[in-house]
Amino acid sequence: MDKLAETLVQRVQVARAAMAEAVTAHDLRAVSLILDEWEAALLLARRRGVEVPPLRAELIEMAREKR
C-alpha cells in the first residue's frame, strides 16, 4: 500500500473512531459533522481505488460496551 492509500485508510479509521465516541456521548452535532467527514473520506478512497478494510468486530464491541 502506498503512502496516499495509507493516509486515506487512516482518515476513514479516524472518522470511524470519532463517530463511535460521538454516538457514545450522544452528541448529535458531532455525529452530523463526523458523518460528513467519514463520507468524504470513503468517497475519496473509492475514487482513488483504495480498498478500506471493514470495521473490525472488536471496535464494534468496544462501542457497544461504552453505551
Foldseek 3Di string as FASTA:
>chain_A
DDPVLVVLLVQLVVLVVQCLVCVLVVPPVSNVVSVVSNVVSVVVCVVVVRDHDDDDPVVVVVSVVSD
